[in-house]
């Protein structure tokens, strides 16, 4: 997390907030989760090649995905990564984003299976 700022955002599970009729939010979350692995891969490739302009663009796109997801923790992690930029904390934040991604994906998959 970016030091010097405190956020009092509790993680929000968008699936628990959605009613059975809120299909638009489920689709939006699914789209965000579908695009996240590709974006994370591109960030890592750009970091490895030293292409900082592409890293910056991909970090901004990942932040937008986080905002669109409806999940407070996922959005905050993506925002923190963009604000920190390429550096020592990048890989750690990418790992945290991947962890949250896995949790959201499993929750979405389980919820779809029980319908």
N, C-alpha and C. Protein backbone atom coordinates (compact mmCIF):
# COMPACT_ATOMS: atom_id res chain seq x y z
N UNK A 1 0.85 -1.17 0.00
CA UNK A 1 0.00 0.00 0.00
C UNK A 1 0.89 1.23 0.00
N UNK A 2 0.42 2.28 -0.59
CA UNK A 2 1.18 3.51 -0.65
C UNK A 2 1.27 4.10 0.75
N UNK A 3 2.49 4.39 1.18
CA UNK A 3 2.68 4.93 2.52
C UNK A 3 2.26 6.39 2.55
N UNK A 4 1.94 6.86 3.74
CA UNK A 4 1.59 8.26 3.92
C UNK A 4 0.11 8.55 3.79
N UNK A 5 -0.64 7.58 3.33
CA UNK A 5 -2.08 7.77 3.20
C UNK A 5 -2.78 6.64 3.92
N UNK A 6 -3.83 6.98 4.56
CA UNK A 6 -4.64 5.95 5.21
C UNK A 6 -6.01 5.97 4.58
N UNK A 7 -6.44 4.80 4.25
CA UNK A 7 -7.78 4.68 3.69
C UNK A 7 -8.58 3.78 4.60
N UNK A 8 -9.77 4.17 4.81
CA UNK A 8 -10.64 3.38 5.68
C UNK A 8 -11.70 2.70 4.83
N UNK A 9 -11.23 2.05 3.76
CA UNK A 9 -12.13 1.31 2.89
C UNK A 9 -12.08 -0.16 3.30
N UNK A 10 -13.19 -0.68 3.65
CA UNK A 10 -13.21 -2.10 3.93
C UNK A 10 -13.42 -2.82 2.60
N UNK A 11 -12.88 -4.03 2.49
CA UNK A 11 -13.12 -4.78 1.26
C UNK A 11 -14.61 -5.00 1.08
N UNK A 12 -15.05 -4.84 -0.13
CA UNK A 12 -16.46 -5.01 -0.45
C UNK A 12 -16.57 -6.20 -1.38
N UNK A 13 -17.38 -7.14 -1.01
CA UNK A 13 -17.61 -8.27 -1.89
C UNK A 13 -18.79 -7.91 -2.79
N UNK A 14 -18.51 -7.58 -4.06
CA UNK A 14 -19.59 -7.13 -4.93
C UNK A 14 -20.64 -8.21 -5.15
N UNK A 15 -20.24 -9.47 -5.03
CA UNK A 15 -21.22 -10.53 -5.25
C UNK A 15 -22.25 -10.59 -4.14
N UNK A 16 -21.84 -10.26 -2.93
CA UNK A 16 -22.78 -10.26 -1.81
C UNK A 16 -23.72 -9.05 -1.87
N UNK A 17 -23.28 -8.00 -2.54
CA UNK A 17 -24.10 -6.80 -2.65
C UNK A 17 -25.10 -6.91 -3.79
N UNK A 18 -24.84 -7.78 -4.73
CA UNK A 18 -25.68 -7.86 -5.91
C UNK A 18 -26.93 -8.67 -5.64
N UNK A 19 -28.02 -8.14 -6.09
CA UNK A 19 -29.24 -8.93 -6.03
C UNK A 19 -29.28 -9.80 -7.28
N UNK A 20 -30.20 -10.72 -7.31
CA UNK A 20 -30.32 -11.60 -8.47
C UNK A 20 -30.65 -10.85 -9.74
N UNK A 21 -31.14 -9.62 -9.63
CA UNK A 21 -31.52 -8.85 -10.81
C UNK A 21 -30.42 -7.91 -11.27
N UNK A 22 -29.31 -7.86 -10.56
CA UNK A 22 -28.25 -6.92 -10.91
C UNK A 22 -27.23 -7.58 -11.85
N UNK A 23 -27.71 -8.02 -12.99
CA UNK A 23 -26.86 -8.71 -13.95
C UNK A 23 -25.79 -7.80 -14.54
N UNK A 24 -26.09 -6.52 -14.67
CA UNK A 24 -25.12 -5.58 -15.24
C UNK A 24 -23.85 -5.53 -14.39
N UNK A 25 -24.00 -5.48 -13.07
CA UNK A 25 -22.83 -5.45 -12.19
C UNK A 25 -22.04 -6.75 -12.28
N UNK A 26 -22.72 -7.86 -12.41
CA UNK A 26 -22.04 -9.15 -12.55
C UNK A 26 -21.26 -9.22 -13.86
N UNK A 27 -21.85 -8.72 -14.91
CA UNK A 27 -21.18 -8.70 -16.21
C UNK A 27 -19.96 -7.79 -16.16
N UNK A 28 -20.10 -6.64 -15.53
CA UNK A 28 -18.99 -5.69 -15.40
C UNK A 28 -17.84 -6.32 -14.62
N UNK A 29 -18.15 -6.98 -13.50
CA UNK A 29 -17.12 -7.65 -12.72
C UNK A 29 -16.47 -8.76 -13.55
N UNK A 30 -17.27 -9.53 -14.23
CA UNK A 30 -16.73 -10.61 -15.06
C UNK A 30 -15.80 -10.10 -16.15
N UNK A 31 -16.17 -8.99 -16.78
CA UNK A 31 -15.32 -8.39 -17.82
C UNK A 31 -14.00 -7.94 -17.23
N UNK A 32 -14.07 -7.31 -16.07
CA UNK A 32 -12.85 -6.85 -15.41
C UNK A 32 -11.94 -8.02 -15.07
N UNK A 33 -12.53 -9.08 -14.55
CA UNK A 33 -11.74 -10.25 -14.19
C UNK A 33 -11.17 -10.94 -15.42
N UNK A 34 -11.91 -10.92 -16.51
CA UNK A 34 -11.45 -11.53 -17.75
C UNK A 34 -10.23 -10.79 -18.31
N UNK A 35 -10.22 -9.47 -18.20
CA UNK A 35 -9.15 -8.66 -18.77
C UNK A 35 -7.92 -8.54 -17.86
N UNK A 36 -8.08 -8.79 -16.57
CA UNK A 36 -7.00 -8.56 -15.60
C UNK A 36 -5.74 -9.39 -15.87
N UNK A 37 -5.82 -10.71 -16.09
CA UNK A 37 -4.57 -11.47 -16.30
C UNK A 37 -3.74 -10.96 -17.47
N UNK A 38 -4.39 -10.62 -18.56
CA UNK A 38 -3.68 -10.09 -19.72
C UNK A 38 -2.97 -8.78 -19.38
N UNK A 39 -3.67 -7.93 -18.65
CA UNK A 39 -3.08 -6.64 -18.27
C UNK A 39 -1.87 -6.85 -17.34
N UNK A 40 -1.98 -7.76 -16.39
CA UNK A 40 -0.86 -8.05 -15.49
C UNK A 40 0.33 -8.60 -16.26
N UNK A 41 0.06 -9.46 -17.23
CA UNK A 41 1.13 -10.03 -18.06
C UNK A 41 1.83 -8.92 -18.86
N UNK A 42 1.04 -8.03 -19.43
CA UNK A 42 1.63 -6.93 -20.21
C UNK A 42 2.48 -6.01 -19.34
N UNK A 43 2.03 -5.76 -18.12
CA UNK A 43 2.81 -4.92 -17.21
C UNK A 43 4.16 -5.58 -16.92
N UNK A 44 4.13 -6.86 -16.63
CA UNK A 44 5.39 -7.56 -16.35
C UNK A 44 6.32 -7.59 -17.56
N UNK A 45 5.76 -7.79 -18.76
CA UNK A 45 6.58 -7.77 -19.98
C UNK A 45 7.21 -6.40 -20.19
N UNK A 46 6.41 -5.35 -20.01
CA UNK A 46 6.93 -3.99 -20.21
C UNK A 46 7.99 -3.65 -19.17
N UNK A 47 7.79 -4.09 -17.93
CA UNK A 47 8.80 -3.87 -16.89
C UNK A 47 10.11 -4.57 -17.25
N UNK A 48 10.00 -5.81 -17.72
CA UNK A 48 11.20 -6.58 -18.07
C UNK A 48 11.96 -5.95 -19.23
N UNK A 49 11.24 -5.36 -20.17
CA UNK A 49 11.90 -4.75 -21.33
C UNK A 49 12.31 -3.31 -21.07
N UNK A 50 11.88 -2.74 -19.94
CA UNK A 50 12.22 -1.36 -19.62
C UNK A 50 11.37 -0.33 -20.33
N UNK A 51 10.25 -0.75 -20.88
CA UNK A 51 9.36 0.15 -21.63
C UNK A 51 8.40 0.85 -20.65
N UNK A 52 8.90 1.91 -20.04
CA UNK A 52 8.14 2.56 -18.97
C UNK A 52 6.87 3.24 -19.46
N UNK A 53 6.83 3.69 -20.71
CA UNK A 53 5.60 4.32 -21.22
C UNK A 53 4.46 3.30 -21.28
N UNK A 54 4.76 2.09 -21.76
CA UNK A 54 3.73 1.06 -21.79
C UNK A 54 3.33 0.64 -20.38
N UNK A 55 4.29 0.59 -19.46
CA UNK A 55 3.98 0.27 -18.06
C UNK A 55 2.98 1.28 -17.52
N UNK A 56 3.27 2.56 -17.75
CA UNK A 56 2.39 3.63 -17.26
C UNK A 56 0.99 3.51 -17.85
N UNK A 57 0.90 3.25 -19.15
CA UNK A 57 -0.40 3.09 -19.80
C UNK A 57 -1.16 1.88 -19.25
N UNK A 58 -0.44 0.78 -19.07
CA UNK A 58 -1.09 -0.43 -18.56
C UNK A 58 -1.51 -0.28 -17.10
N UNK A 59 -0.72 0.44 -16.31
CA UNK A 59 -1.11 0.69 -14.92
C UNK A 59 -2.39 1.52 -14.86
N UNK A 60 -2.50 2.50 -15.75
CA UNK A 60 -3.71 3.33 -15.80
C UNK A 60 -4.91 2.47 -16.21
N UNK A 61 -4.72 1.61 -17.21
CA UNK A 61 -5.81 0.73 -17.64
C UNK A 61 -6.22 -0.24 -16.54
N UNK A 62 -5.24 -0.76 -15.80
CA UNK A 62 -5.55 -1.67 -14.70
C UNK A 62 -6.33 -0.95 -13.60
N UNK A 63 -5.98 0.31 -13.33
CA UNK A 63 -6.72 1.10 -12.33
C UNK A 63 -8.18 1.24 -12.76
N UNK A 64 -8.40 1.49 -14.05
CA UNK A 64 -9.77 1.61 -14.55
C UNK A 64 -10.54 0.30 -14.39
N UNK A 65 -9.86 -0.81 -14.67
CA UNK A 65 -10.51 -2.11 -14.46
C UNK A 65 -10.89 -2.28 -13.00
N UNK A 66 -9.99 -1.89 -12.11
CA UNK A 66 -10.27 -1.99 -10.68
C UNK A 66 -11.48 -1.17 -10.28
N UNK A 67 -11.55 0.05 -10.81
CA UNK A 67 -12.70 0.91 -10.50
C UNK A 67 -13.99 0.32 -11.04
N UNK A 68 -13.93 -0.24 -12.23
CA UNK A 68 -15.12 -0.82 -12.85
C UNK A 68 -15.59 -2.10 -12.17
N UNK A 69 -14.67 -2.76 -11.45
CA UNK A 69 -14.99 -4.07 -10.87
C UNK A 69 -16.07 -4.00 -9.80
N UNK A 70 -16.16 -2.87 -9.09
CA UNK A 70 -17.12 -2.76 -7.99
C UNK A 70 -16.59 -3.33 -6.68
N UNK A 71 -15.35 -3.80 -6.67
CA UNK A 71 -14.75 -4.36 -5.46
C UNK A 71 -13.78 -3.34 -4.89
N UNK A 72 -14.04 -2.89 -3.67
CA UNK A 72 -13.25 -1.82 -3.05
C UNK A 72 -11.78 -2.17 -2.88
N UNK A 73 -11.48 -3.39 -2.44
CA UNK A 73 -10.09 -3.79 -2.23
C UNK A 73 -9.35 -3.91 -3.55
N UNK A 74 -9.97 -4.55 -4.52
CA UNK A 74 -9.35 -4.69 -5.84
C UNK A 74 -9.07 -3.32 -6.44
N UNK A 75 -10.03 -2.42 -6.36
CA UNK A 75 -9.86 -1.06 -6.89
C UNK A 75 -8.73 -0.34 -6.19
N UNK A 76 -8.66 -0.46 -4.86
CA UNK A 76 -7.61 0.23 -4.10
C UNK A 76 -6.23 -0.30 -4.45
N UNK A 77 -6.09 -1.61 -4.58
CA UNK A 77 -4.80 -2.19 -4.94
C UNK A 77 -4.34 -1.72 -6.32
N UNK A 78 -5.26 -1.67 -7.27
CA UNK A 78 -4.92 -1.21 -8.62
C UNK A 78 -4.53 0.26 -8.60
N UNK A 79 -5.24 1.06 -7.82
CA UNK A 79 -4.92 2.48 -7.69
C UNK A 79 -3.55 2.67 -7.03
N UNK A 80 -3.29 1.91 -5.98
CA UNK A 80 -2.00 2.01 -5.29
C UNK A 80 -0.85 1.65 -6.23
N UNK A 81 -1.06 0.65 -7.07
CA UNK A 81 -0.03 0.25 -8.01
C UNK A 81 0.24 1.36 -9.01
N UNK A 82 -0.82 1.98 -9.52
CA UNK A 82 -0.61 3.08 -10.47
C UNK A 82 0.12 4.24 -9.81
N UNK A 83 -0.28 4.57 -8.59
CA UNK A 83 0.34 5.70 -7.90
C UNK A 83 1.80 5.43 -7.54
N UNK A 84 2.13 4.19 -7.23
CA UNK A 84 3.52 3.89 -6.86
C UNK A 84 4.41 3.85 -8.10
N UNK A 85 3.82 3.52 -9.25
CA UNK A 85 4.59 3.44 -10.48
C UNK A 85 5.60 2.31 -10.42
N UNK A 86 6.37 2.16 -11.50
CA UNK A 86 7.38 1.10 -11.52
C UNK A 86 8.41 1.33 -10.42
N UNK A 87 8.71 0.29 -9.69
CA UNK A 87 9.69 0.42 -8.62
C UNK A 87 9.75 -0.83 -7.77
N UNK A 88 10.31 -0.66 -6.59
CA UNK A 88 10.54 -1.80 -5.70
C UNK A 88 9.25 -2.50 -5.28
N UNK A 89 8.18 -1.75 -5.10
CA UNK A 89 6.93 -2.34 -4.60
C UNK A 89 6.06 -2.93 -5.70
N UNK A 90 6.45 -2.77 -6.95
CA UNK A 90 5.60 -3.19 -8.06
C UNK A 90 5.25 -4.67 -8.00
N UNK A 91 6.24 -5.53 -7.87
CA UNK A 91 5.98 -6.97 -7.89
C UNK A 91 5.11 -7.40 -6.71
N UNK A 92 5.34 -6.79 -5.56
CA UNK A 92 4.53 -7.10 -4.38
C UNK A 92 3.06 -6.73 -4.61
N UNK A 93 2.83 -5.53 -5.16
CA UNK A 93 1.46 -5.10 -5.43
C UNK A 93 0.82 -5.95 -6.53
N UNK A 94 1.60 -6.33 -7.55
CA UNK A 94 1.06 -7.21 -8.58
C UNK A 94 0.61 -8.54 -7.96
N UNK A 95 1.39 -9.05 -7.01
CA UNK A 95 1.02 -10.28 -6.32
C UNK A 95 -0.25 -10.13 -5.51
N UNK A 96 -0.41 -8.99 -4.85
CA UNK A 96 -1.63 -8.75 -4.08
C UNK A 96 -2.84 -8.65 -4.99
N UNK A 97 -2.67 -8.00 -6.14
CA UNK A 97 -3.77 -7.88 -7.11
C UNK A 97 -4.14 -9.26 -7.64
N UNK A 98 -3.14 -10.08 -7.93
CA UNK A 98 -3.42 -11.44 -8.40
C UNK A 98 -4.16 -12.25 -7.34
N UNK A 99 -3.78 -12.08 -6.08
CA UNK A 99 -4.47 -12.79 -5.01
C UNK A 99 -5.93 -12.40 -4.91
N UNK A 100 -6.20 -11.10 -5.00
CA UNK A 100 -7.59 -10.62 -4.94
C UNK A 100 -8.36 -11.08 -6.18
N UNK A 101 -7.69 -11.07 -7.32
CA UNK A 101 -8.30 -11.55 -8.56
C UNK A 101 -8.78 -13.00 -8.39
N UNK A 102 -7.92 -13.86 -7.84
CA UNK A 102 -8.26 -15.26 -7.67
C UNK A 102 -9.48 -15.40 -6.75
N UNK A 103 -9.50 -14.64 -5.67
CA UNK A 103 -10.63 -14.69 -4.74
C UNK A 103 -11.92 -14.27 -5.43
N UNK A 104 -11.88 -13.16 -6.16
CA UNK A 104 -13.09 -12.68 -6.85
C UNK A 104 -13.54 -13.67 -7.92
N UNK A 105 -12.59 -14.24 -8.65
CA UNK A 105 -12.94 -15.19 -9.70
C UNK A 105 -13.62 -16.42 -9.10
N UNK A 106 -13.08 -16.93 -8.00
CA UNK A 106 -13.69 -18.09 -7.34
C UNK A 106 -15.08 -17.76 -6.83
N UNK A 107 -15.24 -16.57 -6.24
CA UNK A 107 -16.56 -16.16 -5.74
C UNK A 107 -17.56 -16.05 -6.88
N UNK A 108 -17.14 -15.49 -8.00
CA UNK A 108 -18.02 -15.34 -9.15
C UNK A 108 -18.38 -16.71 -9.71
N UNK A 109 -17.40 -17.60 -9.80
CA UNK A 109 -17.62 -18.94 -10.32
C UNK A 109 -18.56 -19.73 -9.42
N UNK A 110 -18.37 -19.64 -8.09
CA UNK A 110 -19.23 -20.36 -7.15
C UNK A 110 -20.65 -19.82 -7.20
N UNK A 111 -20.76 -18.51 -7.32
CA UNK A 111 -22.09 -17.90 -7.36
C UNK A 111 -22.83 -18.31 -8.63
N UNK A 112 -22.11 -18.39 -9.75
CA UNK A 112 -22.73 -18.83 -11.00
C UNK A 112 -23.17 -20.28 -10.93
N UNK A 113 -22.39 -21.10 -10.23
CA UNK A 113 -22.71 -22.52 -10.12
C UNK A 113 -23.91 -22.81 -9.25
N UNK A 114 -24.20 -21.93 -8.31
CA UNK A 114 -25.31 -22.17 -7.39
C UNK A 114 -26.63 -21.61 -7.89
N UNK A 115 -26.60 -20.91 -9.02
CA UNK A 115 -27.82 -20.30 -9.55
C UNK A 115 -28.71 -21.33 -10.19
